[in-house]
Protein backbone atom coordinates (compact mmCIF):
# COMPACT_ATOMS: atom_id res chain seq x y z
CA MET A 1 -18.08 20.83 -15.72
CA THR A 2 -17.53 21.42 -19.43
CA ALA A 3 -15.85 24.54 -20.74
CA GLU A 4 -19.18 25.73 -22.14
CA THR A 5 -20.87 25.16 -18.80
CA ALA A 6 -18.12 27.13 -17.07
CA GLU A 7 -18.59 30.01 -19.51
CA ILE A 8 -22.31 30.20 -18.70
CA VAL A 9 -21.87 29.93 -14.96
CA GLY A 10 -19.24 32.61 -14.73
CA PRO A 11 -16.10 33.01 -12.66
CA GLY A 12 -17.40 33.14 -9.12
CA PRO A 13 -20.28 32.94 -6.68
CA TYR A 14 -22.86 35.56 -5.83
CA ARG A 15 -21.79 37.42 -2.72
CA ALA A 16 -24.60 37.30 -0.16
CA ALA A 17 -25.02 39.68 2.73
CA ALA A 18 -22.78 38.91 5.69
CA PRO A 19 -24.36 36.08 7.70
CA ARG A 20 -25.57 36.71 11.22
CA PRO A 21 -24.37 34.79 14.26
CA ASP A 22 -25.82 31.29 14.62
CA THR A 23 -28.66 31.32 17.12
CA GLY A 24 -29.94 27.76 16.87
CA PRO A 25 -31.53 25.35 14.42
CA ASP A 26 -33.32 28.12 12.52
CA THR A 27 -31.66 31.50 12.54
CA GLY A 28 -34.45 32.89 10.35
CA PRO A 29 -34.53 36.20 8.52
CA ASP A 30 -33.39 39.13 10.58
CA ALA A 31 -35.75 41.94 11.61
CA ASP A 32 -34.25 44.45 9.18
CA SER A 33 -34.81 42.04 6.30
CA LEU A 34 -38.47 41.70 7.21
CA ARG A 35 -38.83 45.49 7.36
CA ALA A 36 -37.74 45.91 3.78
CA GLY A 37 -39.26 49.28 3.04
CA PRO A 38 -42.70 50.36 1.88
CA ASP A 39 -43.26 47.28 -0.32
CA ALA A 40 -42.49 44.78 2.46
CA ASP A 41 -46.04 43.37 2.38
CA ARG A 42 -46.75 43.48 -1.33
CA PRO A 43 -47.46 40.20 -3.15
CA LEU A 44 -44.39 38.56 -4.64
CA ARG A 45 -43.80 37.15 -8.11
CA ILE A 46 -42.17 33.77 -7.49
CA ALA A 47 -40.42 31.41 -9.92
CA LEU A 48 -40.47 27.96 -8.32
CA LEU A 49 -38.03 25.58 -10.06
CA THR A 50 -38.28 21.80 -9.89
CA TYR A 51 -36.38 19.42 -12.15
CA LYS A 52 -38.59 16.49 -11.09
CA GLY A 53 -41.97 17.68 -9.89
CA ASN A 54 -44.52 14.88 -10.25
CA PRO A 55 -45.93 14.18 -6.74
CA PHE A 56 -46.02 10.45 -7.52
CA CYS A 57 -42.20 10.48 -7.86
CA GLY A 58 -41.54 11.45 -4.26
CA GLY A 59 -41.56 14.23 -1.72
CA GLN A 60 -40.13 16.96 -3.95
CA GLY A 61 -43.24 16.92 -6.13
CA VAL A 62 -45.53 16.97 -3.11
CA TYR A 63 -43.59 19.95 -1.76
CA VAL A 64 -44.00 21.96 -4.96
CA ARG A 65 -47.70 21.20 -5.30
CA HIS A 66 -48.74 22.19 -1.79
CA LEU A 67 -46.30 25.05 -1.27
CA ALA A 68 -47.34 26.68 -4.55
CA ARG A 69 -51.01 26.44 -3.62
CA GLU A 70 -50.53 27.94 -0.16
CA LEU A 71 -48.26 30.73 -1.42
CA ALA A 72 -51.00 31.66 -3.89
CA ALA A 73 -53.56 31.58 -1.09
CA LEU A 74 -51.43 34.18 0.70
CA GLY A 75 -51.72 36.44 -2.33
CA HIS A 76 -48.47 35.71 -4.18
CA SER A 77 -48.14 34.82 -7.87
CA VAL A 78 -46.33 31.51 -8.36
CA GLU A 79 -44.98 30.19 -11.64
CA VAL A 80 -43.75 26.62 -11.34
CA ILE A 81 -41.05 25.92 -13.93
CA GLY A 82 -40.43 22.19 -14.25
CA ALA A 83 -39.24 19.32 -16.38
CA GLN A 84 -40.59 15.82 -16.90
CA PRO A 85 -42.31 14.24 -15.12
CA TYR A 86 -44.14 17.55 -14.97
CA PRO A 87 -45.53 18.84 -11.69
CA VAL A 88 -49.17 18.26 -10.83
CA LEU A 89 -50.62 21.50 -9.48
CA ASP A 90 -53.91 22.24 -7.77
CA ASP A 91 -56.44 24.50 -9.45
CA PRO A 92 -56.17 27.89 -7.76
CA ASP A 93 -58.94 29.08 -5.51
CA PRO A 94 -60.89 31.69 -7.55
CA ALA A 95 -61.24 33.76 -4.37
CA ALA A 96 -57.50 33.73 -3.67
CA PRO A 97 -55.69 36.95 -4.63
CA GLY A 98 -52.63 35.13 -6.01
CA GLY A 99 -52.31 32.42 -8.64
CA VAL A 100 -50.35 29.34 -9.77
CA ARG A 101 -49.35 28.35 -13.27
CA LEU A 102 -47.03 25.80 -14.81
CA THR A 103 -44.32 26.48 -17.39
CA GLU A 104 -42.90 23.34 -18.97
CA LEU A 105 -39.14 23.33 -19.51
CA PRO A 106 -38.67 19.99 -21.26
CA SER A 107 -35.67 17.73 -20.99
CA LEU A 108 -35.11 14.75 -23.27
CA ASP A 109 -37.03 12.67 -20.68
CA LEU A 110 -34.45 9.89 -20.77
CA TYR A 111 -35.91 7.93 -17.85
CA ARG A 112 -39.55 7.82 -18.89
CA GLN A 113 -41.57 4.64 -18.84
CA PRO A 114 -41.74 2.24 -20.55
CA ASP A 115 -38.32 2.91 -22.12
CA PRO A 116 -35.95 4.28 -19.44
CA PHE A 117 -32.33 4.98 -20.42
CA ARG A 118 -33.47 5.44 -24.02
CA THR A 119 -31.34 6.91 -26.80
CA PRO A 120 -33.19 9.84 -28.40
CA ARG A 121 -33.71 10.12 -32.13
CA ARG A 122 -31.47 12.56 -33.97
CA GLU A 123 -34.31 15.01 -34.59
CA GLU A 124 -34.95 15.28 -30.83
CA PHE A 125 -31.64 17.05 -30.21
CA ARG A 126 -32.04 20.83 -29.93
CA ASP A 127 -28.75 22.14 -28.57
CA TRP A 128 -25.55 21.33 -26.69
CA ILE A 129 -27.41 20.87 -23.38
CA ASP A 130 -29.30 17.94 -24.91
CA ALA A 131 -26.00 16.43 -26.06
CA LEU A 132 -24.60 16.85 -22.54
CA GLU A 133 -27.67 15.15 -21.06
CA VAL A 134 -27.35 12.09 -23.28
CA SER A 135 -23.58 11.76 -22.95
CA THR A 136 -23.82 11.87 -19.15
CA MET A 137 -26.45 9.11 -19.20
CA TRP A 138 -24.33 7.01 -21.55
CA THR A 139 -21.45 7.10 -19.05
CA GLY A 140 -23.70 5.95 -16.19
CA GLY A 141 -24.32 9.35 -14.61
CA PHE A 142 -27.52 11.21 -13.75
CA PRO A 143 -27.59 14.45 -15.78
CA GLU A 144 -30.93 16.07 -14.88
CA PRO A 145 -29.86 18.41 -12.05
CA LEU A 146 -27.14 19.97 -14.21
CA THR A 147 -29.03 20.13 -17.49
CA PHE A 148 -32.22 21.47 -15.90
CA SER A 149 -30.23 24.19 -14.15
CA LEU A 150 -28.68 25.27 -17.46
CA ARG A 151 -32.05 25.39 -19.20
CA ALA A 152 -33.57 27.25 -16.24
CA ARG A 153 -30.75 29.82 -16.31
CA ARG A 154 -31.33 30.50 -19.99
CA HIS A 155 -35.10 30.72 -19.49
CA LEU A 156 -34.86 33.10 -16.52
CA ALA A 157 -32.30 35.33 -18.24
CA ALA A 158 -34.72 35.80 -21.12
CA ARG A 159 -37.43 36.89 -18.67
CA ARG A 160 -35.39 39.27 -16.56
CA GLY A 161 -37.54 41.51 -14.40
CA GLU A 162 -40.59 39.21 -14.36
CA PHE A 163 -39.87 37.67 -10.93
CA ASP A 164 -39.02 39.03 -7.50
CA VAL A 165 -37.40 35.80 -6.32
CA VAL A 166 -36.30 32.45 -7.74
CA HIS A 167 -36.88 29.42 -5.52
CA ASP A 168 -34.95 26.28 -6.49
CA ASN A 169 -36.29 22.96 -5.25
CA GLN A 170 -33.05 20.96 -4.73
CA THR A 171 -31.65 21.18 -8.26
CA LEU A 172 -28.33 22.56 -6.99
CA GLY A 173 -26.94 22.82 -10.51
CA TYR A 174 -24.11 25.01 -11.79
CA GLY A 175 -26.55 26.96 -13.96
CA LEU A 176 -28.15 28.53 -10.88
CA LEU A 177 -24.98 30.26 -9.71
CA GLY A 178 -24.22 33.89 -10.45
CA GLY A 179 -26.81 35.71 -8.37
CA PRO A 180 -29.46 38.17 -9.56
CA GLU A 181 -27.25 39.29 -12.44
CA ALA A 182 -27.53 35.81 -13.97
CA LEU A 183 -31.04 34.76 -12.91
CA GLY A 184 -32.78 38.12 -12.91
CA ALA A 185 -33.78 37.80 -9.24
CA PRO A 186 -32.29 36.63 -5.93
CA LEU A 187 -32.14 32.89 -5.32
CA VAL A 188 -33.52 30.88 -2.40
CA THR A 189 -32.85 27.12 -2.43
CA THR A 190 -34.61 24.28 -0.63
CA ILE A 191 -32.51 21.23 0.23
CA HIS A 192 -34.78 18.55 1.67
CA HIS A 193 -31.76 16.49 2.65
CA PRO A 194 -28.33 15.96 1.09
CA VAL A 195 -28.40 13.23 -1.58
CA THR A 196 -24.95 12.28 -0.27
CA VAL A 197 -26.86 10.42 2.48
CA ASP A 198 -28.60 8.27 -0.15
CA ARG A 199 -25.26 7.70 -1.87
CA LYS A 200 -23.62 6.42 1.31
CA LEU A 201 -26.48 4.03 2.09
CA ASP A 202 -26.51 2.70 -1.48
CA LEU A 203 -22.75 2.16 -1.38
CA ASP A 204 -23.04 0.37 1.96
CA ALA A 205 -25.67 -1.95 0.48
CA ALA A 206 -23.74 -2.66 -2.76
CA ALA A 207 -22.97 -6.35 -3.15
CA ASP A 208 -19.68 -6.09 -5.05
CA TRP A 209 -17.18 -3.70 -6.61
CA LYS A 210 -19.10 -3.53 -9.89
CA ARG A 211 -22.23 -2.35 -8.11
CA ARG A 212 -20.20 0.17 -6.05
CA ALA A 213 -18.64 1.56 -9.24
CA SER A 214 -22.10 1.91 -10.78
CA VAL A 215 -23.42 3.72 -7.68
CA ARG A 216 -20.49 6.15 -7.73
CA ARG A 217 -21.07 6.97 -11.39
CA TRP A 218 -24.80 7.51 -10.86
CA TYR A 219 -24.24 9.82 -7.91
CA GLY A 220 -21.52 11.80 -9.67
CA PHE A 221 -23.82 14.84 -9.65
CA THR A 222 -23.43 15.10 -5.87
CA ARG A 223 -19.95 16.60 -6.37
CA MET A 224 -21.61 19.45 -8.24
CA GLN A 225 -24.30 19.80 -5.60
CA LYS A 226 -21.67 20.13 -2.86
CA ARG A 227 -19.88 22.90 -4.75
CA VAL A 228 -23.09 24.75 -5.52
CA ALA A 229 -24.52 24.42 -2.01
CA ARG A 230 -21.48 26.10 -0.45
CA ARG A 231 -22.01 29.17 -2.65
CA LEU A 232 -25.71 29.66 -2.04
CA PRO A 233 -26.80 32.82 -0.24
CA SER A 234 -29.93 31.32 1.37
CA VAL A 235 -30.81 27.68 2.01
CA LEU A 236 -34.10 26.43 3.41
CA THR A 237 -34.55 22.94 4.77
CA VAL A 238 -37.35 21.04 6.41
CA SER A 239 -35.93 19.86 9.74
CA GLY A 240 -33.14 20.37 12.25
CA SER A 241 -31.73 16.96 11.31
CA SER A 242 -31.51 17.93 7.65
CA ARG A 243 -29.91 21.22 8.61
CA GLN A 244 -27.13 19.40 10.43
CA GLU A 245 -26.63 16.99 7.52
CA ILE A 246 -26.40 19.94 5.09
CA VAL A 247 -23.76 21.58 7.24
CA THR A 248 -21.82 18.34 7.77
CA HIS A 249 -22.10 16.67 4.37
CA LEU A 250 -22.22 19.69 2.06
CA GLY A 251 -20.08 22.13 4.05
CA VAL A 252 -22.64 24.94 4.00
CA ASP A 253 -22.19 27.78 6.47
CA PRO A 254 -24.77 27.02 9.22
CA ARG A 255 -25.69 30.70 9.40
CA ARG A 256 -27.12 30.45 5.89
CA VAL A 257 -29.32 27.39 6.53
CA HIS A 258 -32.83 27.96 7.91
CA VAL A 259 -35.49 25.43 8.95
CA VAL A 260 -39.01 25.83 7.62
CA PRO A 261 -40.93 22.60 8.35
CA ILE A 262 -43.34 21.39 5.71
CA GLY A 263 -46.77 20.04 6.48
CA ALA A 264 -49.68 17.79 5.76
CA ASP A 265 -52.96 18.68 4.11
CA THR A 266 -54.89 18.43 7.35
CA GLU A 267 -58.29 18.83 5.69
CA LEU A 268 -57.77 15.97 3.26
CA PHE A 269 -55.75 13.85 5.69
CA SER A 270 -58.22 13.89 8.56
CA PRO A 271 -60.10 11.30 10.62
CA ASP A 272 -63.29 9.90 9.08
CA PRO A 273 -65.36 7.59 11.28
CA ALA A 274 -67.24 6.42 8.19
CA VAL A 275 -64.13 4.59 6.91
CA ALA A 276 -64.06 1.07 8.29
CA GLU A 277 -60.84 -0.10 9.92
CA VAL A 278 -59.47 -3.25 8.26
CA PRO A 279 -58.19 -5.69 10.89
CA GLY A 280 -54.47 -6.32 10.59
CA ARG A 281 -53.86 -3.73 7.88
CA ILE A 282 -50.48 -1.99 7.99
CA VAL A 283 -49.79 0.80 5.49
CA THR A 284 -46.45 2.24 4.43
CA THR A 285 -45.15 4.41 1.59
CA SER A 286 -42.07 3.51 -0.42
CA SER A 287 -41.46 5.39 -3.67
CA ALA A 288 -38.45 3.20 -4.59
CA ASP A 289 -36.78 -0.07 -3.57
CA VAL A 290 -33.69 1.55 -2.08
CA PRO A 291 -31.96 0.85 1.25
CA LEU A 292 -32.87 4.32 2.51
CA LYS A 293 -36.58 3.43 2.77
CA GLY A 294 -36.02 0.36 4.97
CA LEU A 295 -38.92 -1.55 3.39
CA VAL A 296 -37.03 -4.84 3.47
CA HIS A 297 -36.86 -4.63 7.27
CA LEU A 298 -40.63 -4.08 7.50
CA VAL A 299 -41.25 -7.10 5.27
CA GLU A 300 -39.04 -9.23 7.53
CA ALA A 301 -40.88 -7.88 10.59
CA LEU A 302 -44.24 -8.76 9.05
CA ALA A 303 -43.13 -12.38 8.66
CA VAL A 304 -42.48 -12.52 12.43
CA VAL A 305 -45.75 -10.79 13.33
CA ARG A 306 -47.90 -13.14 11.24
CA ALA A 307 -46.89 -16.08 13.44
CA ARG A 308 -49.07 -14.56 16.21
CA HIS A 309 -51.35 -12.33 14.12
CA PRO A 310 -52.05 -14.30 10.92
CA HIS A 311 -54.45 -11.59 9.68
CA ALA A 312 -51.64 -8.99 9.60
CA HIS A 313 -50.90 -7.77 6.09
CA LEU A 314 -49.01 -4.90 4.48
CA VAL A 315 -50.16 -2.41 1.84
CA VAL A 316 -47.26 -0.53 0.25
CA VAL A 317 -47.96 2.71 -1.62
CA GLY A 318 -45.43 2.37 -4.39
CA LYS A 319 -44.38 0.22 -7.31
CA ARG A 320 -43.92 -3.52 -6.78
CA PRO A 321 -40.27 -4.38 -7.43
CA GLY A 322 -39.68 -7.28 -9.79
CA SER A 323 -36.29 -8.01 -8.28
CA GLY A 324 -34.00 -6.74 -5.54
CA PRO A 325 -33.94 -7.08 -1.76
CA VAL A 326 -37.65 -6.43 -1.15
CA ALA A 327 -38.84 -8.88 -3.80
CA THR A 328 -36.38 -11.47 -2.49
CA ALA A 329 -37.53 -10.98 1.10
CA ILE A 330 -41.20 -11.37 0.14
CA ARG A 331 -40.48 -14.66 -1.62
CA ARG A 332 -38.13 -15.92 1.09
CA CYS A 333 -40.66 -15.22 3.85
CA GLY A 334 -43.61 -16.62 1.92
CA LEU A 335 -45.49 -13.31 1.97
CA ASP A 336 -46.73 -13.08 -1.62
CA GLY A 337 -50.34 -13.02 -0.45
CA ALA A 338 -49.69 -10.75 2.53
CA VAL A 339 -47.97 -7.79 0.81
CA GLU A 340 -49.88 -5.66 -1.68
CA PHE A 341 -48.48 -2.76 -3.73
CA VAL A 342 -50.63 0.11 -5.02
CA LYS A 343 -49.44 2.99 -7.19
CA GLY A 344 -50.83 5.98 -9.02
CA ILE A 345 -53.61 6.59 -6.51
CA SER A 346 -55.02 10.04 -5.85
CA ASP A 347 -54.45 11.96 -2.63
CA ALA A 348 -58.04 11.26 -1.62
CA GLU A 349 -57.55 7.53 -2.22
CA LEU A 350 -54.31 7.62 -0.24
CA ALA A 351 -56.04 9.33 2.68
CA GLY A 352 -58.80 6.71 2.63
CA LEU A 353 -56.25 3.90 2.53
CA VAL A 354 -54.34 5.28 5.52
CA ARG A 355 -57.60 5.76 7.47
CA SER A 356 -58.50 2.12 6.86
CA ALA A 357 -55.26 0.85 8.42
CA GLN A 358 -54.79 -0.16 12.02
CA ILE A 359 -51.14 0.97 11.80
CA ALA A 360 -49.16 3.35 9.61
CA CYS A 361 -45.44 2.55 9.49
CA VAL A 362 -42.37 4.53 8.44
CA PRO A 363 -39.44 2.04 8.46
CA SER A 364 -36.89 4.37 6.81
CA LEU A 365 -33.22 4.35 7.74
CA TYR A 366 -33.18 8.09 7.14
CA GLU A 367 -35.68 10.83 6.26
CA GLY A 368 -35.11 14.53 5.82
CA PHE A 369 -38.64 15.18 7.09
CA SER A 370 -41.10 12.28 6.47
CA LEU A 371 -44.27 13.59 4.94
CA PRO A 372 -45.87 10.11 5.12
CA ALA A 373 -45.51 10.25 8.90
CA ALA A 374 -47.21 13.65 9.10
CA GLU A 375 -50.02 12.60 6.75
CA ALA A 376 -50.68 9.39 8.66
CA MET A 377 -50.75 11.22 11.97
CA ALA A 378 -53.14 13.80 10.50
CA THR A 379 -55.67 11.05 9.73
CA GLY A 380 -55.56 9.86 13.34
CA THR A 381 -53.97 6.54 12.36
CA PRO A 382 -51.43 5.36 14.97
CA LEU A 383 -47.84 5.57 13.78
CA LEU A 384 -44.92 3.18 14.19
CA ALA A 385 -41.74 4.86 12.98
CA THR A 386 -38.00 4.55 13.21
CA THR A 387 -35.75 7.22 14.67
CA GLY A 388 -33.87 7.67 11.37
CA GLY A 389 -32.92 11.24 10.50
CA ALA A 390 -35.66 13.80 11.12
CA ILE A 391 -38.49 11.33 11.77
CA PRO A 392 -38.53 11.98 15.55
CA GLU A 393 -38.91 15.72 14.89
CA VAL A 394 -42.14 14.94 13.04
CA ALA A 395 -43.46 11.91 14.90
CA GLY A 396 -42.73 13.16 18.40
CA PRO A 397 -41.88 11.28 21.60
CA ASP A 398 -42.07 7.50 21.81
CA GLY A 399 -45.23 6.40 23.60
CA GLU A 400 -46.85 9.85 23.42
CA THR A 401 -47.59 10.53 19.75
CA CYS A 402 -46.09 7.40 18.15
CA LEU A 403 -44.13 4.25 18.82
CA ALA A 404 -40.47 4.77 17.94
CA VAL A 405 -37.91 2.07 17.17
CA PRO A 406 -34.28 2.06 15.97
CA PRO A 407 -33.76 2.09 12.18
CA GLY A 408 -32.71 -1.10 10.43
CA ASP A 409 -34.04 -3.42 13.19
CA PRO A 410 -36.72 -5.90 12.00
CA GLY A 411 -37.10 -7.29 15.52
CA ALA A 412 -37.92 -3.87 16.96
CA LEU A 413 -40.40 -3.23 14.14
CA ALA A 414 -42.06 -6.59 14.81
CA SER A 415 -42.38 -5.82 18.52
CA GLY A 416 -43.95 -2.44 17.78
CA LEU A 417 -46.41 -3.93 15.30
CA GLU A 418 -47.45 -6.65 17.73
CA ARG A 419 -47.90 -4.15 20.55
CA LEU A 420 -50.19 -1.95 18.46
CA LEU A 421 -52.19 -4.80 16.93
CA ALA A 422 -52.92 -6.16 20.41
CA ASN A 423 -53.91 -2.88 22.10
CA GLU A 424 -56.86 -0.90 20.73
CA HIS A 425 -56.66 1.71 23.50
CA LEU A 426 -53.01 2.42 22.65
CA ARG A 427 -53.90 2.82 18.97
CA GLN A 428 -56.66 5.29 19.77
CA ARG A 429 -54.53 7.31 22.17
CA LEU A 430 -51.54 7.59 19.82
CA GLY A 431 -53.79 8.37 16.85
CA ALA A 432 -55.51 11.28 18.61
CA ALA A 433 -52.25 12.69 19.99
CA GLY A 434 -50.58 12.39 16.61
CA ARG A 435 -53.23 14.47 14.86
CA GLU A 436 -53.02 17.18 17.50
CA ARG A 437 -49.25 17.36 17.00
CA VAL A 438 -49.61 17.84 13.24
CA LEU A 439 -52.30 20.50 13.61
CA ALA A 440 -50.09 22.44 15.99
CA ARG A 441 -46.81 22.18 14.06
CA PHE A 442 -47.01 20.90 10.50
CA THR A 443 -49.41 22.57 8.07
CA TRP A 444 -48.73 23.84 4.56
CA ARG A 445 -50.02 27.30 5.43
CA ARG A 446 -47.39 27.63 8.15
CA ALA A 447 -44.77 26.42 5.68
CA ALA A 448 -45.82 29.01 3.09
CA ILE A 449 -45.76 31.87 5.61
CA GLY A 450 -42.27 30.92 6.78
CA THR A 451 -40.99 30.49 3.23
CA ALA A 452 -42.33 33.88 2.14
CA GLU A 453 -40.49 35.53 5.04
CA HIS A 454 -37.22 34.12 3.72
CA TYR A 455 -38.05 35.32 0.20
CA ARG A 456 -38.30 38.88 1.53
CA ALA A 457 -35.06 38.49 3.46
CA ALA A 458 -33.30 37.31 0.29
CA ILE A 459 -34.68 40.24 -1.71
CA THR A 460 -33.44 42.69 0.92
CA ALA A 461 -30.00 41.04 1.05
CA ALA A 462 -29.70 41.24 -2.73
CA ARG A 463 -30.49 44.95 -2.70
CA ARG A 464 -27.82 45.58 -0.10
CA ALA A 465 -25.10 43.45 -1.74
CA PRO A 466 -25.81 43.01 -5.45
CA THR A 467 -22.22 42.46 -6.52
CA ARG A 468 -20.44 39.32 -7.72
CA VAL A 469 -16.88 38.21 -7.17
């Protein structure tokens, strides 16, 4: 942290209300917090921060889009404040009492296509935060969590009194410390899962010391995120598995971490008998060619399966890698014609694609929640998934709502694929049970209701203990 950053952040953390005893995976807001006086049920004014909010860039963007919409449907006013790639938000329902709007808080957009890692022109520089962003990139680091947090702090300070609560979507930057005095409202933070998990898997997969050094530089921001996470008054996460990882990897007091599962759009992702099933089609989602997603193991499994099911083929929702382990595996296994990549499709097109598949697969080594699993189950498409991270919390018991296999095991994936391809009754049974599980547990409306309860608890805690140390 630079001296100027330290001056903005201030000398110490915001002091939250004393945490309650740990009562399980989700301690939740206490009863007193939810009975926060005569305005306990009034609509809230919410600032929802996201440093990377495009839904095509991964789960964080999907979270912002759907949570904002459902919070507005409950009557709250939501202002999404984001940087490039900017969030894609749904048009608000005219009948809904609340609303959603986007405020753009631009970065230098150093990783945009088609010129990632670009050097900006001199006239693009506006202030010292821009200089910090570029210098961090030049040294191999990833600056956006820090620099977005500093810009957000400045923006919120200038609008003091306009929001009841600030909700940070996994920025975890120094600029968000300091409590209501600094941000103008109490802070609630969502951590989907600790990025330290990604860092460890990338280091384990690094081929040599040069690659390991590069990975360490890139993930340098995780040191900041650890320090910030430990000082947060209220942390939301999406699963019990993520909660444990946050406590273990980031050192956050477990009494401050609460589980609010996210959901699927069960109206859009729903069964449609009019969509024809394509024999042998397997669908998976992989936003990046990284070890965490386990796509290379699914490709290797497909090569085994095609020996007995030559019509089996894989459609990957994501960008085709030009090099790396997945591209190498496709060439090595002779699967160029059996693996297709699609990107930039709409949610409706994605739902139709998943419906057309005989199998949806989540081969990840680790997931903090696994929205692709919930969306696939919601369509009634049978799911084959690993047991990495929180996936079992979403997918449910092996043989009841999905087929579950160990992560990182191409042989187990191949066996699961073959079993499903050969058994139509099993596919139908798992597909129907999977949708029922999602309807009962994982909807965005439930997520919005639970999140709003924690907003009110944070507001009450800030009123009771508004001081800093």
